């Protein structure tokens, strides 16, 4: 008895789907979790310390094809009162556009993070763990960028010299539509 060709085709399609799922679930950017960094060597990331005062941010946004679609410089001012903080951001893009955002942050004693901002739909949630911070939220783009709401996975990693490396992915309907890579470092008072 011979097996019809469509059975082999279906088995192949299922195998490909399984491999794609395994890659996305276990071997991708979104597969990271705070526990991956809980026992990492080096200084622990503390938002109250590392995102405090004046901060210079420099970065790039990559479009869905992986090419740079925008470059920016950001100027942040963060202040804390215990476990509550405010971080004001001003971005200057290579297009000449500027953008302002004000985060209202709240830290839990377990390292959890809750945050609100005007262009964030609902509440951002996150976790500090070892030298990393994870934030997840939905962000509404400005009208000139289409006004779309994107799901954001935002990781910040503390480098040994205190610089923060930020990598974020933005998704629409589960498809990555943009990625941001930036550095942040405190500006010491002169």
N, C-alpha and C. Protein backbone atom coordinates (compact mmCIF):
# COMPACT_ATOMS: atom_id res chain seq x y z
N UNK A 1 0.84 -1.17 0.00
CA UNK A 1 0.00 0.00 0.00
C UNK A 1 0.89 1.24 0.00
N UNK A 2 0.63 2.17 -0.89
CA UNK A 2 1.42 3.40 -0.97
C UNK A 2 0.71 4.53 -0.23
N UNK A 3 1.52 5.38 0.35
CA UNK A 3 0.99 6.52 1.08
C UNK A 3 0.82 7.68 0.10
N UNK A 4 -0.35 8.29 0.08
CA UNK A 4 -0.58 9.40 -0.84
C UNK A 4 0.39 10.56 -0.57
N UNK A 5 0.74 11.28 -1.62
CA UNK A 5 1.70 12.39 -1.52
C UNK A 5 1.21 13.48 -0.57
N UNK A 6 -0.10 13.70 -0.50
CA UNK A 6 -0.60 14.77 0.37
C UNK A 6 -0.34 14.46 1.85
N UNK A 7 -0.24 13.18 2.22
CA UNK A 7 0.07 12.83 3.61
C UNK A 7 1.49 13.30 3.94
N UNK A 8 2.44 13.07 3.03
CA UNK A 8 3.81 13.55 3.25
C UNK A 8 3.85 15.08 3.30
N UNK A 9 3.05 15.71 2.45
CA UNK A 9 2.98 17.17 2.44
C UNK A 9 2.44 17.68 3.77
N UNK A 10 1.39 17.06 4.29
CA UNK A 10 0.81 17.47 5.57
C UNK A 10 1.80 17.23 6.72
N UNK A 11 2.48 16.13 6.71
CA UNK A 11 3.48 15.85 7.76
C UNK A 11 4.59 16.89 7.69
N UNK A 12 5.04 17.20 6.49
CA UNK A 12 6.08 18.22 6.32
C UNK A 12 5.62 19.58 6.81
N UNK A 13 4.38 19.96 6.47
CA UNK A 13 3.84 21.25 6.91
C UNK A 13 3.72 21.29 8.43
N UNK A 14 3.27 20.22 9.04
CA UNK A 14 3.18 20.17 10.51
C UNK A 14 4.56 20.25 11.15
N UNK A 15 5.54 19.59 10.57
CA UNK A 15 6.90 19.64 11.10
C UNK A 15 7.47 21.06 11.01
N UNK A 16 7.25 21.73 9.90
CA UNK A 16 7.71 23.12 9.75
C UNK A 16 7.02 24.01 10.78
N UNK A 17 5.70 23.86 10.94
CA UNK A 17 4.96 24.66 11.93
C UNK A 17 5.49 24.40 13.33
N UNK A 18 5.79 23.16 13.65
CA UNK A 18 6.33 22.82 14.96
C UNK A 18 7.70 23.46 15.17
N UNK A 19 8.55 23.42 14.17
CA UNK A 19 9.88 24.02 14.29
C UNK A 19 9.79 25.54 14.44
N UNK A 20 8.87 26.18 13.72
CA UNK A 20 8.68 27.62 13.86
C UNK A 20 8.22 27.94 15.28
N UNK A 21 7.26 27.17 15.80
CA UNK A 21 6.76 27.39 17.16
C UNK A 21 7.87 27.20 18.19
N UNK A 22 8.67 26.15 18.07
CA UNK A 22 9.77 25.89 19.01
C UNK A 22 10.77 27.05 18.96
N UNK A 23 11.10 27.53 17.78
CA UNK A 23 12.03 28.66 17.68
C UNK A 23 11.47 29.89 18.37
N UNK A 24 10.21 30.23 18.07
CA UNK A 24 9.61 31.42 18.67
C UNK A 24 9.50 31.27 20.19
N UNK A 25 9.16 30.10 20.67
CA UNK A 25 8.91 29.89 22.10
C UNK A 25 10.20 29.79 22.91
N UNK A 26 11.24 29.20 22.36
CA UNK A 26 12.44 28.90 23.14
C UNK A 26 13.72 29.56 22.64
N UNK A 27 13.77 30.04 21.40
CA UNK A 27 15.03 30.50 20.83
C UNK A 27 14.97 31.90 20.24
N UNK A 28 14.06 32.74 20.72
CA UNK A 28 13.92 34.06 20.12
C UNK A 28 14.02 35.16 21.17
N UNK A 29 14.03 36.39 20.73
CA UNK A 29 14.07 37.56 21.60
C UNK A 29 12.91 37.52 22.61
N UNK A 30 11.72 37.23 22.14
CA UNK A 30 10.55 37.21 23.03
C UNK A 30 10.56 36.03 23.99
N UNK A 31 11.38 35.04 23.76
CA UNK A 31 11.42 33.87 24.64
C UNK A 31 12.19 34.13 25.93
N UNK A 32 12.93 35.25 26.00
CA UNK A 32 13.65 35.57 27.22
C UNK A 32 12.66 35.78 28.36
N UNK A 33 13.12 35.50 29.58
CA UNK A 33 12.29 35.80 30.75
C UNK A 33 13.22 36.32 31.85
N UNK A 34 12.67 37.08 32.79
CA UNK A 34 13.50 37.66 33.85
C UNK A 34 14.34 36.63 34.60
N UNK A 35 13.83 35.42 34.76
CA UNK A 35 14.58 34.39 35.48
C UNK A 35 15.88 34.02 34.78
N UNK A 36 15.95 34.27 33.47
CA UNK A 36 17.19 33.99 32.73
C UNK A 36 18.35 34.81 33.27
N UNK A 37 18.06 35.96 33.90
CA UNK A 37 19.10 36.88 34.34
C UNK A 37 19.20 36.99 35.86
N UNK A 38 18.36 36.26 36.59
CA UNK A 38 18.29 36.38 38.04
C UNK A 38 19.64 36.10 38.72
N UNK A 39 20.41 35.19 38.18
CA UNK A 39 21.68 34.83 38.82
C UNK A 39 22.90 35.31 38.03
N UNK A 40 22.68 36.25 37.11
CA UNK A 40 23.79 36.76 36.30
C UNK A 40 24.80 37.49 37.17
N UNK A 41 26.05 37.40 36.78
CA UNK A 41 27.12 38.10 37.50
C UNK A 41 27.01 39.60 37.30
N UNK A 42 27.60 40.34 38.21
CA UNK A 42 27.66 41.79 38.07
C UNK A 42 26.58 42.47 38.88
N UNK A 43 26.54 43.78 38.71
CA UNK A 43 25.64 44.64 39.46
C UNK A 43 24.19 44.43 39.01
N UNK A 44 23.27 44.47 39.96
CA UNK A 44 21.85 44.35 39.65
C UNK A 44 21.33 45.69 39.13
N UNK A 45 20.40 45.64 38.22
CA UNK A 45 19.75 46.82 37.65
C UNK A 45 18.73 47.33 38.68
N UNK A 46 18.89 48.57 39.10
CA UNK A 46 17.93 49.22 40.00
C UNK A 46 17.47 50.49 39.32
N UNK A 47 16.22 50.52 38.90
CA UNK A 47 15.70 51.68 38.17
C UNK A 47 15.93 52.98 38.94
N UNK A 48 15.77 52.93 40.27
CA UNK A 48 15.92 54.14 41.08
C UNK A 48 17.34 54.69 41.02
N UNK A 49 18.28 53.83 40.79
CA UNK A 49 19.69 54.27 40.71
C UNK A 49 20.14 54.52 39.28
N UNK A 50 19.86 53.58 38.40
CA UNK A 50 20.40 53.64 37.04
C UNK A 50 19.59 54.51 36.08
N UNK A 51 18.32 54.71 36.37
CA UNK A 51 17.50 55.64 35.58
C UNK A 51 17.07 56.76 36.52
N UNK A 52 18.04 57.58 36.87
CA UNK A 52 17.81 58.69 37.80
C UNK A 52 18.65 59.88 37.34
N UNK A 53 18.07 61.07 37.43
CA UNK A 53 18.78 62.27 37.00
C UNK A 53 18.67 62.46 35.50
N UNK A 54 19.68 63.14 34.93
CA UNK A 54 19.70 63.38 33.48
C UNK A 54 20.32 62.19 32.77
N UNK A 55 19.66 61.78 31.69
CA UNK A 55 20.09 60.59 30.94
C UNK A 55 20.11 60.94 29.46
N UNK A 56 21.18 60.54 28.78
CA UNK A 56 21.29 60.69 27.33
C UNK A 56 21.00 59.35 26.69
N UNK A 57 20.11 59.34 25.70
CA UNK A 57 19.73 58.13 24.99
C UNK A 57 20.02 58.34 23.50
N UNK A 58 20.68 57.37 22.88
CA UNK A 58 20.98 57.44 21.45
C UNK A 58 20.60 56.11 20.82
N UNK A 59 19.88 56.16 19.70
CA UNK A 59 19.46 54.90 19.13
C UNK A 59 18.95 54.97 17.72
N UNK A 60 18.47 53.80 17.28
CA UNK A 60 17.96 53.63 15.93
C UNK A 60 16.72 52.76 15.97
N UNK A 61 15.84 53.00 15.03
CA UNK A 61 14.67 52.17 14.86
C UNK A 61 14.80 51.48 13.51
N UNK A 62 14.61 50.17 13.53
CA UNK A 62 14.69 49.36 12.32
C UNK A 62 13.27 49.02 11.88
N UNK A 63 13.00 49.12 10.60
CA UNK A 63 11.69 48.79 10.06
C UNK A 63 11.53 47.29 9.86
N UNK A 64 10.42 46.87 9.28
CA UNK A 64 10.14 45.44 9.12
C UNK A 64 11.12 44.71 8.20
N UNK A 65 11.86 45.43 7.37
CA UNK A 65 12.84 44.78 6.49
C UNK A 65 14.21 44.66 7.15
N UNK A 66 14.35 45.20 8.37
CA UNK A 66 15.63 45.14 9.07
C UNK A 66 16.55 46.31 8.78
N UNK A 67 16.11 47.24 7.95
CA UNK A 67 16.91 48.42 7.63
C UNK A 67 16.57 49.56 8.59
N UNK A 68 17.54 50.42 8.84
CA UNK A 68 17.31 51.58 9.71
C UNK A 68 16.27 52.47 9.07
N UNK A 69 15.21 52.76 9.83
CA UNK A 69 14.17 53.65 9.33
C UNK A 69 14.19 55.00 10.04
N UNK A 70 14.85 55.07 11.19
CA UNK A 70 14.91 56.33 11.93
C UNK A 70 16.06 56.29 12.93
N UNK A 71 16.67 57.45 13.13
CA UNK A 71 17.71 57.60 14.16
C UNK A 71 17.25 58.68 15.11
N UNK A 72 17.66 58.60 16.37
CA UNK A 72 17.19 59.58 17.34
C UNK A 72 18.19 59.79 18.47
N UNK A 73 18.01 60.91 19.14
CA UNK A 73 18.69 61.21 20.39
C UNK A 73 17.59 61.57 21.38
N UNK A 74 17.69 61.03 22.58
CA UNK A 74 16.70 61.31 23.61
C UNK A 74 17.35 61.94 24.82
N UNK A 75 16.63 62.86 25.42
CA UNK A 75 17.09 63.53 26.64
C UNK A 75 16.06 63.23 27.72
N UNK A 76 16.47 62.54 28.77
CA UNK A 76 15.55 62.11 29.82
C UNK A 76 15.91 62.82 31.12
N UNK A 77 14.90 63.01 31.93
CA UNK A 77 15.07 63.52 33.29
C UNK A 77 14.20 62.65 34.19
N UNK A 78 14.84 61.90 35.09
CA UNK A 78 14.11 60.99 35.97
C UNK A 78 14.34 61.36 37.42
N UNK A 79 13.30 61.26 38.22
CA UNK A 79 13.41 61.50 39.66
C UNK A 79 12.55 60.49 40.40
N UNK A 80 12.96 60.19 41.61
CA UNK A 80 12.30 59.16 42.41
C UNK A 80 11.97 59.69 43.80
N UNK A 81 10.85 59.22 44.32
CA UNK A 81 10.46 59.44 45.69
C UNK A 81 10.10 58.06 46.23
N UNK A 82 11.08 57.41 46.86
CA UNK A 82 10.88 56.03 47.29
C UNK A 82 10.74 55.12 46.09
N UNK A 83 9.62 54.41 46.03
CA UNK A 83 9.38 53.46 44.93
C UNK A 83 8.53 54.05 43.81
N UNK A 84 8.33 55.35 43.82
CA UNK A 84 7.57 56.01 42.76
C UNK A 84 8.47 56.98 42.02
N UNK A 85 8.40 56.93 40.70
CA UNK A 85 9.27 57.79 39.90
C UNK A 85 8.55 58.39 38.71
N UNK A 86 9.13 59.47 38.21
CA UNK A 86 8.65 60.12 36.99
C UNK A 86 9.86 60.26 36.07
N UNK A 87 9.69 59.83 34.83
CA UNK A 87 10.75 59.99 33.84
C UNK A 87 10.18 60.74 32.64
N UNK A 88 10.72 61.93 32.41
CA UNK A 88 10.30 62.76 31.27
C UNK A 88 11.29 62.52 30.14
N UNK A 89 10.75 62.26 28.95
CA UNK A 89 11.58 61.96 27.79
C UNK A 89 11.30 62.96 26.68
N UNK A 90 12.35 63.42 26.02
CA UNK A 90 12.23 64.24 24.81
C UNK A 90 13.10 63.59 23.74
N UNK A 91 12.50 63.21 22.64
CA UNK A 91 13.21 62.57 21.54
C UNK A 91 13.32 63.53 20.38
N UNK A 92 14.49 63.56 19.76
CA UNK A 92 14.72 64.33 18.53
C UNK A 92 15.12 63.33 17.45
N UNK A 93 14.31 63.26 16.40
CA UNK A 93 14.53 62.28 15.33
C UNK A 93 15.26 62.92 14.15
N UNK A 94 15.90 62.08 13.35
CA UNK A 94 16.63 62.58 12.18
C UNK A 94 15.70 63.23 11.16
N UNK A 95 14.41 62.99 11.26
CA UNK A 95 13.44 63.62 10.36
C UNK A 95 13.14 65.07 10.75
N UNK A 96 13.61 65.46 11.95
CA UNK A 96 13.31 66.79 12.46
C UNK A 96 12.14 66.78 13.45
N UNK A 97 11.41 65.67 13.51
CA UNK A 97 10.29 65.55 14.46
C UNK A 97 10.81 65.41 15.89
N UNK A 98 10.00 65.87 16.81
CA UNK A 98 10.30 65.67 18.23
C UNK A 98 9.12 64.96 18.87
N UNK A 99 9.38 64.28 19.96
CA UNK A 99 8.34 63.54 20.68
C UNK A 99 8.61 63.67 22.17
N UNK A 100 7.55 63.82 22.94
CA UNK A 100 7.66 63.92 24.39
C UNK A 100 6.83 62.81 25.02
N UNK A 101 7.36 62.25 26.11
CA UNK A 101 6.63 61.22 26.86
C UNK A 101 6.97 61.41 28.32
N UNK A 102 6.01 61.14 29.18
CA UNK A 102 6.25 61.19 30.62
C UNK A 102 5.74 59.89 31.23
N UNK A 103 6.69 59.12 31.77
CA UNK A 103 6.37 57.86 32.43
C UNK A 103 6.13 58.11 33.91
N UNK A 104 5.13 57.46 34.47
CA UNK A 104 4.90 57.44 35.91
C UNK A 104 5.11 55.99 36.35
N UNK A 105 6.17 55.76 37.12
CA UNK A 105 6.62 54.42 37.45
C UNK A 105 6.36 54.10 38.92
N UNK A 106 6.06 52.84 39.17
CA UNK A 106 5.86 52.35 40.53
C UNK A 106 6.56 51.00 40.64
N UNK A 107 7.43 50.87 41.65
CA UNK A 107 8.18 49.63 41.85
C UNK A 107 7.62 48.86 43.04
N UNK A 108 7.51 47.56 42.86
CA UNK A 108 7.13 46.69 43.96
C UNK A 108 8.39 46.19 44.67
N UNK A 109 8.25 45.76 45.90
CA UNK A 109 9.40 45.25 46.65
C UNK A 109 9.95 43.95 46.08
N UNK A 110 9.19 43.29 45.22
CA UNK A 110 9.62 42.06 44.57
C UNK A 110 10.30 42.31 43.22
N UNK A 111 10.57 43.58 42.88
CA UNK A 111 11.20 43.93 41.61
C UNK A 111 10.20 44.19 40.49
N UNK A 112 8.91 44.06 40.78
CA UNK A 112 7.90 44.30 39.75
C UNK A 112 7.82 45.79 39.44
N UNK A 113 7.38 46.08 38.22
CA UNK A 113 7.27 47.46 37.74
C UNK A 113 5.88 47.65 37.14
N UNK A 114 5.28 48.79 37.44
CA UNK A 114 4.05 49.21 36.80
C UNK A 114 4.29 50.63 36.30
N UNK A 115 3.80 50.94 35.12
CA UNK A 115 4.08 52.26 34.55
C UNK A 115 2.92 52.72 33.68
N UNK A 116 2.75 54.03 33.67
CA UNK A 116 1.73 54.67 32.84
C UNK A 116 2.38 55.78 32.03
N UNK A 117 1.89 55.98 30.82
CA UNK A 117 2.30 57.09 29.96
C UNK A 117 1.12 57.38 29.03
N UNK A 118 1.03 58.61 28.55
CA UNK A 118 -0.13 59.03 27.75
C UNK A 118 -0.31 58.18 26.49
N UNK A 119 0.78 57.75 25.85
CA UNK A 119 0.65 56.98 24.61
C UNK A 119 0.68 55.47 24.84
N UNK A 120 0.67 55.04 26.10
CA UNK A 120 0.61 53.62 26.42
C UNK A 120 -0.85 53.27 26.68
N UNK A 121 -1.34 52.24 25.99
CA UNK A 121 -2.71 51.80 26.15
C UNK A 121 -2.76 50.89 27.37
N UNK A 122 -3.49 51.30 28.39
CA UNK A 122 -3.52 50.52 29.63
C UNK A 122 -2.27 50.78 30.45
N UNK A 123 -1.80 49.75 31.11
CA UNK A 123 -0.65 49.86 32.00
C UNK A 123 0.50 49.00 31.51
N UNK A 124 1.70 49.55 31.56
CA UNK A 124 2.90 48.76 31.27
C UNK A 124 3.26 47.98 32.52
N UNK A 125 3.70 46.75 32.33
CA UNK A 125 4.14 45.94 33.46
C UNK A 125 5.53 45.40 33.16
N UNK A 126 6.28 45.14 34.23
CA UNK A 126 7.62 44.65 34.02
C UNK A 126 8.23 44.05 35.26
N UNK A 127 9.51 43.71 35.14
CA UNK A 127 10.23 43.05 36.21
C UNK A 127 11.72 43.39 36.11
N UNK A 128 12.32 43.78 37.25
CA UNK A 128 13.77 43.91 37.36
C UNK A 128 14.30 42.54 37.78
N UNK A 129 15.38 42.09 37.17
CA UNK A 129 15.96 40.80 37.53
C UNK A 129 17.43 40.80 37.17
N UNK A 130 18.29 40.71 38.18
CA UNK A 130 19.73 40.76 37.92
C UNK A 130 20.07 42.04 37.17
N UNK A 131 20.89 41.96 36.13
CA UNK A 131 21.26 43.16 35.38
C UNK A 131 20.30 43.50 34.24
N UNK A 132 19.03 43.11 34.38
CA UNK A 132 18.08 43.33 33.29
C UNK A 132 16.75 43.86 33.81
N UNK A 133 16.02 44.47 32.87
CA UNK A 133 14.65 44.92 33.13
C UNK A 133 13.83 44.55 31.90
N UNK A 134 12.68 43.95 32.14
CA UNK A 134 11.72 43.64 31.08
C UNK A 134 10.48 44.49 31.29
N UNK A 135 10.01 45.11 30.22
CA UNK A 135 8.73 45.83 30.23
C UNK A 135 7.91 45.34 29.05
N UNK A 136 6.61 45.18 29.29
CA UNK A 136 5.67 44.83 28.21
C UNK A 136 4.51 45.82 28.26
N UNK A 137 4.14 46.31 27.08
CA UNK A 137 3.05 47.27 27.02
C UNK A 137 2.58 47.41 25.58
N UNK A 138 1.44 48.10 25.44
CA UNK A 138 0.90 48.42 24.12
C UNK A 138 1.02 49.92 23.96
N UNK A 139 1.63 50.34 22.85
CA UNK A 139 1.87 51.76 22.62
C UNK A 139 1.13 52.22 21.37
N UNK A 140 0.56 53.40 21.47
CA UNK A 140 -0.13 54.00 20.32
C UNK A 140 0.83 54.95 19.62
N UNK A 141 1.07 54.71 18.33
CA UNK A 141 1.95 55.57 17.55
C UNK A 141 1.27 56.92 17.30
N UNK A 142 2.06 57.97 17.08
CA UNK A 142 1.46 59.27 16.73
C UNK A 142 0.66 59.16 15.44
N UNK A 143 -0.31 60.05 15.27
CA UNK A 143 -1.16 60.03 14.07
C UNK A 143 -0.34 60.11 12.79
N UNK A 144 0.74 60.93 12.79
CA UNK A 144 1.56 61.05 11.57
C UNK A 144 2.28 59.75 11.23
N UNK A 145 2.34 58.82 12.20
CA UNK A 145 2.92 57.49 11.95
C UNK A 145 1.83 56.43 11.80
N UNK A 146 0.59 56.86 11.65
CA UNK A 146 -0.50 55.93 11.40
C UNK A 146 -1.42 55.68 12.58
N UNK A 147 -1.00 56.06 13.80
CA UNK A 147 -1.85 55.87 14.97
C UNK A 147 -2.07 54.43 15.37
N UNK A 148 -1.29 53.51 14.82
CA UNK A 148 -1.43 52.08 15.14
C UNK A 148 -1.09 51.82 16.60
N UNK A 149 -1.68 50.77 17.16
CA UNK A 149 -1.33 50.30 18.51
C UNK A 149 -0.46 49.07 18.33
N UNK A 150 0.74 49.11 18.90
CA UNK A 150 1.70 48.02 18.77
C UNK A 150 1.97 47.38 20.12
N UNK A 151 2.12 46.07 20.14
CA UNK A 151 2.54 45.35 21.34
C UNK A 151 4.05 45.45 21.44
N UNK A 152 4.53 45.84 22.62
CA UNK A 152 5.95 46.11 22.80
C UNK A 152 6.56 45.16 23.83
N UNK A 153 7.70 44.58 23.47
CA UNK A 153 8.54 43.85 24.41
C UNK A 153 9.83 44.64 24.50
N UNK A 154 10.11 45.15 25.69
CA UNK A 154 11.19 46.11 25.91
C UNK A 154 12.15 45.56 26.96
N UNK A 155 13.38 45.25 26.54
CA UNK A 155 14.41 44.76 27.45
C UNK A 155 15.49 45.82 27.60
N UNK A 156 15.95 46.03 28.82
CA UNK A 156 17.09 46.88 29.11
C UNK A 156 18.11 46.04 29.86
N UNK A 157 19.37 46.17 29.46
CA UNK A 157 20.45 45.39 30.06
C UNK A 157 21.50 46.36 30.58
N UNK A 158 21.96 46.14 31.79
CA UNK A 158 22.97 46.98 32.41
C UNK A 158 24.35 46.46 32.03
N UNK A 159 25.14 47.31 31.37
CA UNK A 159 26.52 46.95 31.02
C UNK A 159 27.41 47.18 32.24
N UNK A 160 28.58 46.53 32.29
CA UNK A 160 29.46 46.68 33.45
C UNK A 160 29.85 48.12 33.78
N UNK A 161 29.88 49.01 32.79
CA UNK A 161 30.28 50.40 33.05
C UNK A 161 29.09 51.30 33.42
N UNK A 162 27.89 50.72 33.57
CA UNK A 162 26.72 51.50 33.93
C UNK A 162 25.85 51.94 32.77
N UNK A 163 26.34 51.78 31.53
CA UNK A 163 25.53 52.09 30.35
C UNK A 163 24.39 51.08 30.27
N UNK A 164 23.25 51.54 29.84
CA UNK A 164 22.09 50.67 29.64
C UNK A 164 21.93 50.45 28.15
N UNK A 165 21.81 49.19 27.75
CA UNK A 165 21.54 48.85 26.36
C UNK A 165 20.08 48.43 26.29
N UNK A 166 19.33 49.10 25.42
CA UNK A 166 17.89 48.89 25.30
C UNK A 166 17.59 48.25 23.95
N UNK A 167 16.82 47.18 23.97
CA UNK A 167 16.35 46.54 22.73
C UNK A 167 14.86 46.30 22.88
N UNK A 168 14.11 46.78 21.93
CA UNK A 168 12.65 46.63 21.96
C UNK A 168 12.16 46.11 20.62
N UNK A 169 11.14 45.28 20.68
CA UNK A 169 10.47 44.84 19.47
C UNK A 169 9.01 45.27 19.54
N UNK A 170 8.50 45.70 18.40
CA UNK A 170 7.13 46.17 18.28
C UNK A 170 6.41 45.25 17.30
N UNK A 171 5.23 44.76 17.73
CA UNK A 171 4.49 43.80 16.91
C UNK A 171 3.05 44.27 16.69
N UNK A 172 2.57 43.90 15.51
CA UNK A 172 1.17 44.12 15.15
C UNK A 172 0.66 42.78 14.63
N UNK A 173 -0.41 42.28 15.21
CA UNK A 173 -0.96 40.97 14.86
C UNK A 173 0.10 39.87 14.97
N UNK A 174 1.02 40.00 15.95
CA UNK A 174 2.04 39.00 16.18
C UNK A 174 3.24 39.08 15.26
N UNK A 175 3.24 40.00 14.33
CA UNK A 175 4.33 40.14 13.35
C UNK A 175 5.20 41.32 13.76
N UNK A 176 6.51 41.11 13.80
CA UNK A 176 7.44 42.19 14.15
C UNK A 176 7.43 43.23 13.05
N UNK A 177 7.10 44.48 13.42
CA UNK A 177 7.03 45.56 12.45
C UNK A 177 8.15 46.58 12.65
N UNK A 178 8.79 46.55 13.82
CA UNK A 178 9.89 47.47 14.09
C UNK A 178 10.70 46.96 15.27
N UNK A 179 11.94 47.41 15.32
CA UNK A 179 12.82 47.09 16.43
C UNK A 179 13.62 48.34 16.77
N UNK A 180 13.84 48.55 18.05
CA UNK A 180 14.61 49.70 18.53
C UNK A 180 15.83 49.18 19.25
N UNK A 181 16.97 49.79 18.99
CA UNK A 181 18.20 49.51 19.73
C UNK A 181 18.77 50.86 20.15
N UNK A 182 19.05 51.00 21.45
CA UNK A 182 19.53 52.29 21.96
C UNK A 182 20.45 52.07 23.15
N UNK A 183 21.23 53.08 23.44
CA UNK A 183 22.00 53.11 24.68
C UNK A 183 21.50 54.26 25.52
N UNK A 184 21.62 54.10 26.83
CA UNK A 184 21.26 55.16 27.77
C UNK A 184 22.37 55.26 28.80
N UNK A 185 22.75 56.49 29.09
CA UNK A 185 23.76 56.68 30.12
C UNK A 185 23.50 57.99 30.85
N UNK A 186 23.80 57.96 32.13
CA UNK A 186 23.60 59.15 32.94
C UNK A 186 24.54 60.25 32.51
N UNK A 187 24.05 61.48 32.55
CA UNK A 187 24.86 62.66 32.26
C UNK A 187 25.22 63.26 33.60
N UNK A 188 26.51 63.26 33.89
CA UNK A 188 26.97 63.79 35.17
C UNK A 188 26.92 65.30 35.13
N UNK A 189 26.49 65.89 36.25
CA UNK A 189 26.43 67.35 36.35
C UNK A 189 27.82 67.95 36.23
N UNK A 190 27.94 69.06 35.51
CA UNK A 190 29.25 69.69 35.28
C UNK A 190 29.68 70.51 36.48
